[in-house]
Each structure stands twice: as C-alpha cells, then as structure tokens.
Amino acid sequence: PRRDRARPGGTRWRRAGDVQLLRAPSWRGTPADLERYGERLGAAFEREGRTVDLLAGLSVGTQAAAVAAARSSRVARLLIVSPTVDPALRSVPALLARWVAGNRGDGEPGLLDQVGDWVQAGPTRMLVGIASAVRMPPLETVLPAVSARTTVALAEHDALTTAAWAQVLARIAERPLLRLAGASHSWPVDDQVGFADRVDTLLEESP
C-alpha cells in the first residue's frame, strides 16, 4: 500500500527505534523492475552493515522483499503479506484482469483509491512493474534461499492469492500460515492497529 497508509504503524515503531517506510516498487526514483529493486535493497543492507530486524512486503512488494532477504544475511525476519504472483495469474493479462476486478471483501478500496499510486508511478512504469512481477523467479523458488525467519500472511478475502499457494509458501518457510480474518488483498489499509500489533508480535519472537 501507499506509504501514507502505513504511517500510523511506522510512527508507533519509530518511537522505539529506526523505522523506514520504503517507496513502493515502480514509483519514480525506485526501480520499476521488482527483481532489480530487491537486489538493490539487499545490497544496501549489506553495505550499511546493520541488522534489519524485520522486512515487510505487501502484494508485489513481497517479491522485492524476498529477493532482498535472499541477497542479504542482514535480514533477521521477513513478513510477506498477500504474496504475488499466484500460479493461476502468471501472465500480464490474467494479473491485470484480476487486479481491475478488485477483491472480494466488503469495503475493499476501489481503483479510484489507487490513483495516488498511479500518479507516483505513471502508466509506463506501472506496466513495467506488473510485467516484472510475472516474469521474475516465483516466490517458491526464491524463499528457499532466504535465511530470515519468514512469515507468510494470507487475507481471508484475497482475490489475488489462493490459500493453496500461500500454504505452499508457508511450508517452504517452515512456519504456520498467518491468516488474516476479514481482510482483503489491500490489508492493512484499514487495519493499521492490527498490522502494528502483528508486527510487534513477530519482533518479540527470536529470529
């Protein structure tokens, strides 16, 4: 989701330490290609030499986050929420069609709520990002190279991620699948407190 939608949780954690809300993939100033974004992020972690207590990725951000964690031993915990791209949607037309159709949850933000993201990226960069999401190595081949303690989270009404595929990823991570009751693919847009609480719980666990 957009960084402004994640700020309430970020503000809460910033009081206790260093929190960085990264620019979304495809936004101007970031690589439009997800694999390149993840590689650049992993290299930055190595260069800075600091431990990343938890790296969280949402939707297509899960792909970049997983690549970063696979490239860097500095990531202690990885949280991937509503992972992409489900095997059933690994073509640009299929992914675009499902994205335009929206999610199944009541109160799910519509396409107009994403205008801010479109403006930040621009149509060309958005299409490049979507194409890279389909083209890059799938998460089930990336996660085995991740040494971080990984949690896979699935929203109950997620129309872009099936429970069957999420379970596959959770088994690879060797952790129980975290199910988000009542949530949709855009979680935590409307559940900042719940998101912050879950992150706090993960941070309390040993990496």
Protein backbone atom coordinates (compact mmCIF):
# COMPACT_ATOMS: atom_id res chain seq x y z
CA PRO A 1 0.00 0.00 0.00
CA ARG A 2 0.96 3.62 -0.23
CA ARG A 3 3.38 4.90 2.39
CA ASP A 4 0.78 7.27 3.89
CA ARG A 5 -1.39 4.24 4.68
CA ALA A 6 1.46 2.64 6.62
CA ARG A 7 2.48 5.75 8.56
CA PRO A 8 0.42 5.17 11.75
CA GLY A 9 2.28 1.90 12.44
CA GLY A 10 5.58 3.43 11.37
CA THR A 11 5.13 6.32 13.78
CA ARG A 12 4.44 3.90 16.62
CA TRP A 13 7.59 1.84 15.96
CA ARG A 14 9.76 4.89 15.31
CA ARG A 15 9.38 5.90 18.94
CA ALA A 16 11.28 2.76 19.92
CA GLY A 17 13.82 2.55 17.12
CA ASP A 18 14.70 3.09 13.48
CA VAL A 19 11.84 2.51 11.03
CA GLN A 20 11.97 3.19 7.32
CA LEU A 21 8.93 3.20 5.03
CA LEU A 22 10.32 2.40 1.62
CA ARG A 23 9.00 3.85 -1.60
CA ALA A 24 6.76 1.43 -3.44
CA PRO A 25 8.13 -0.50 -6.42
CA SER A 26 7.65 1.38 -9.71
CA TRP A 27 7.37 4.79 -8.04
CA ARG A 28 9.64 7.35 -9.60
CA GLY A 29 13.06 7.15 -8.00
CA THR A 30 12.84 3.37 -7.46
CA PRO A 31 13.43 0.53 -9.93
CA ALA A 32 10.28 -0.43 -11.83
CA ASP A 33 11.63 -3.97 -12.13
CA LEU A 34 10.86 -5.89 -8.92
CA GLU A 35 13.87 -8.20 -9.01
CA ARG A 36 16.21 -5.27 -9.55
CA TYR A 37 14.52 -3.40 -6.70
CA GLY A 38 15.07 -6.35 -4.36
CA GLU A 39 18.68 -6.80 -5.43
CA ARG A 40 19.43 -3.12 -4.86
CA LEU A 41 17.75 -3.24 -1.44
CA GLY A 42 19.67 -6.35 -0.38
CA ALA A 43 22.93 -4.77 -1.49
CA ALA A 44 22.13 -1.66 0.55
CA PHE A 45 21.56 -3.78 3.67
CA GLU A 46 24.94 -5.43 3.20
CA ARG A 47 26.66 -2.13 2.55
CA GLU A 48 25.17 -0.49 5.66
CA GLY A 49 26.19 -3.45 7.81
CA ARG A 50 23.19 -3.19 10.13
CA THR A 51 20.73 -5.91 11.09
CA VAL A 52 17.22 -5.43 9.70
CA ASP A 53 15.00 -6.77 12.48
CA LEU A 54 12.01 -7.16 10.17
CA LEU A 55 11.47 -6.53 6.47
CA ALA A 56 7.82 -6.48 5.41
CA GLY A 57 6.48 -6.63 1.87
CA LEU A 58 2.88 -6.25 0.74
CA SER A 59 1.47 -7.55 -2.56
CA VAL A 60 4.11 -7.15 -5.31
CA GLY A 61 6.37 -5.76 -2.61
CA THR A 62 6.62 -9.32 -1.29
CA GLN A 63 8.60 -10.28 -4.38
CA ALA A 64 11.12 -7.47 -3.97
CA ALA A 65 11.36 -8.10 -0.21
CA ALA A 66 12.02 -11.81 -0.70
CA VAL A 67 14.78 -11.10 -3.22
CA ALA A 68 16.35 -8.60 -0.81
CA ALA A 69 16.25 -11.13 2.04
CA ALA A 70 17.75 -13.81 -0.22
CA ARG A 71 20.60 -11.46 -1.17
CA SER A 72 21.39 -10.25 2.35
CA SER A 73 22.18 -12.08 5.57
CA ARG A 74 21.35 -8.86 7.43
CA VAL A 75 17.58 -9.52 7.39
CA ALA A 76 16.51 -11.30 10.60
CA ARG A 77 12.77 -11.60 9.91
CA LEU A 78 10.71 -11.41 6.74
CA LEU A 79 6.95 -10.81 6.59
CA ILE A 80 5.20 -11.27 3.25
CA VAL A 81 1.56 -10.23 3.15
CA SER A 82 -0.71 -11.18 0.23
CA PRO A 83 2.17 -12.64 -1.80
CA THR A 84 2.25 -12.44 -5.58
CA VAL A 85 2.13 -13.79 -8.19
CA ASP A 86 -0.15 -16.80 -7.71
CA PRO A 87 0.49 -19.53 -10.33
CA ALA A 88 -3.01 -19.04 -11.72
CA LEU A 89 -2.21 -15.41 -12.58
CA ARG A 90 1.26 -15.64 -14.08
CA SER A 91 0.51 -13.72 -17.23
CA VAL A 92 0.13 -9.96 -17.61
CA PRO A 93 -3.48 -10.15 -18.96
CA ALA A 94 -4.59 -12.50 -16.15
CA LEU A 95 -2.97 -10.42 -13.41
CA LEU A 96 -4.32 -7.14 -14.78
CA ALA A 97 -7.83 -8.55 -15.15
CA ARG A 98 -7.92 -9.82 -11.57
CA TRP A 99 -6.45 -6.57 -10.22
CA VAL A 100 -9.03 -4.44 -12.07
CA ALA A 101 -11.85 -6.72 -10.86
CA GLY A 102 -10.86 -5.99 -7.25
CA ASN A 103 -11.09 -8.13 -4.13
CA ARG A 104 -13.96 -9.98 -2.54
CA GLY A 105 -14.05 -8.27 0.85
CA ASP A 106 -16.71 -5.76 1.87
CA GLY A 107 -15.41 -2.21 1.95
CA GLU A 108 -12.41 -3.06 -0.20
CA PRO A 109 -10.82 0.09 -1.64
CA GLY A 110 -11.68 0.53 -5.31
CA LEU A 111 -9.50 1.54 -8.22
CA LEU A 112 -10.06 5.25 -7.55
CA ASP A 113 -8.34 4.81 -4.18
CA GLN A 114 -5.19 3.83 -6.07
CA VAL A 115 -4.95 6.99 -8.14
CA GLY A 116 -2.21 8.33 -5.85
CA ASP A 117 -0.07 5.30 -6.63
CA TRP A 118 -0.66 5.70 -10.37
CA VAL A 119 0.45 9.32 -10.21
CA GLN A 120 3.61 8.39 -8.29
CA ALA A 121 4.49 5.70 -10.83
CA GLY A 122 2.99 6.71 -14.16
CA PRO A 123 1.33 4.21 -16.55
CA THR A 124 4.53 3.09 -18.26
CA ARG A 125 6.38 2.29 -15.03
CA MET A 126 3.31 0.54 -13.63
CA LEU A 127 3.13 -1.75 -16.66
CA VAL A 128 6.86 -2.46 -16.40
CA GLY A 129 6.38 -3.36 -12.75
CA ILE A 130 3.45 -5.68 -13.47
CA ALA A 131 5.38 -7.38 -16.26
CA SER A 132 8.37 -7.88 -13.97
CA ALA A 133 6.13 -9.39 -11.29
CA VAL A 134 5.04 -12.05 -13.77
CA ARG A 135 8.49 -12.55 -15.29
CA MET A 136 10.75 -12.74 -12.23
CA PRO A 137 11.53 -16.05 -10.46
CA PRO A 138 8.45 -17.07 -8.44
CA LEU A 139 8.48 -16.88 -4.67
CA GLU A 140 8.54 -20.64 -4.27
CA THR A 141 12.00 -20.62 -5.91
CA VAL A 142 13.23 -17.51 -4.06
CA LEU A 143 12.21 -18.36 -0.48
CA PRO A 144 14.49 -21.42 -0.13
CA ALA A 145 17.45 -19.01 -0.36
CA VAL A 146 16.11 -16.81 2.46
CA SER A 147 17.74 -17.41 5.84
CA ALA A 148 15.48 -14.95 7.68
CA ARG A 149 12.63 -16.22 9.85
CA THR A 150 9.80 -15.87 7.33
CA THR A 151 6.07 -15.46 7.96
CA VAL A 152 3.52 -15.70 5.13
CA ALA A 153 0.24 -13.86 5.74
CA LEU A 154 -2.96 -14.51 3.76
CA ALA A 155 -6.02 -12.25 3.80
CA GLU A 156 -9.34 -14.08 4.09
CA HIS A 157 -10.86 -12.31 1.05
CA ASP A 158 -7.72 -12.09 -1.06
CA ALA A 159 -8.63 -12.45 -4.74
CA LEU A 160 -5.02 -12.35 -5.94
CA THR A 161 -3.55 -15.07 -3.71
CA THR A 162 -5.06 -18.52 -3.22
CA ALA A 163 -4.93 -20.36 0.09
CA ALA A 164 -3.35 -23.37 -1.61
CA TRP A 165 -0.37 -21.37 -2.91
CA ALA A 166 0.03 -19.46 0.35
CA GLN A 167 0.22 -22.80 2.16
CA VAL A 168 2.97 -23.92 -0.21
CA LEU A 169 4.97 -20.79 0.64
CA ALA A 170 4.36 -21.25 4.37
CA ARG A 171 5.65 -24.83 4.16
CA ILE A 172 8.79 -23.62 2.40
CA ALA A 173 9.25 -21.04 5.17
CA GLU A 174 8.63 -23.80 7.74
CA ARG A 175 6.23 -21.56 9.63
CA PRO A 176 2.43 -21.71 10.11
CA LEU A 177 0.44 -19.67 7.62
CA LEU A 178 -0.79 -16.45 9.26
CA ARG A 179 -4.46 -15.99 8.32
CA LEU A 180 -5.98 -12.51 8.44
CA ALA A 181 -9.69 -12.85 9.21
CA GLY A 182 -11.98 -10.41 7.39
CA ALA A 183 -9.09 -8.85 5.46
CA SER A 184 -8.60 -8.41 1.72
CA HIS A 185 -5.55 -8.07 -0.52
CA SER A 186 -5.12 -4.41 0.47
CA TRP A 187 -4.64 -5.20 4.17
CA PRO A 188 -3.57 -3.29 6.25
CA VAL A 189 -5.11 -0.22 4.55
CA ASP A 190 -7.98 -0.19 7.06
CA ASP A 191 -6.30 -2.03 9.93
CA GLN A 192 -3.24 -0.09 10.99
CA VAL A 193 -3.58 -1.08 14.65
CA GLY A 194 -3.91 -4.76 13.76
CA PHE A 195 -0.91 -4.54 11.45
CA ALA A 196 1.23 -2.86 14.11
CA ASP A 197 0.16 -5.43 16.72
CA ARG A 198 1.12 -8.34 14.48
CA VAL A 199 4.47 -6.81 13.66
CA ASP A 200 5.14 -6.26 17.36
CA THR A 201 4.41 -9.96 17.97
CA LEU A 202 6.83 -11.01 15.23
CA LEU A 203 9.53 -8.73 16.62
CA GLU A 204 9.18 -10.36 20.03
CA GLU A 205 9.98 -13.77 18.54
CA SER A 206 13.56 -14.98 18.23
CA PRO A 207 14.80 -14.73 14.63
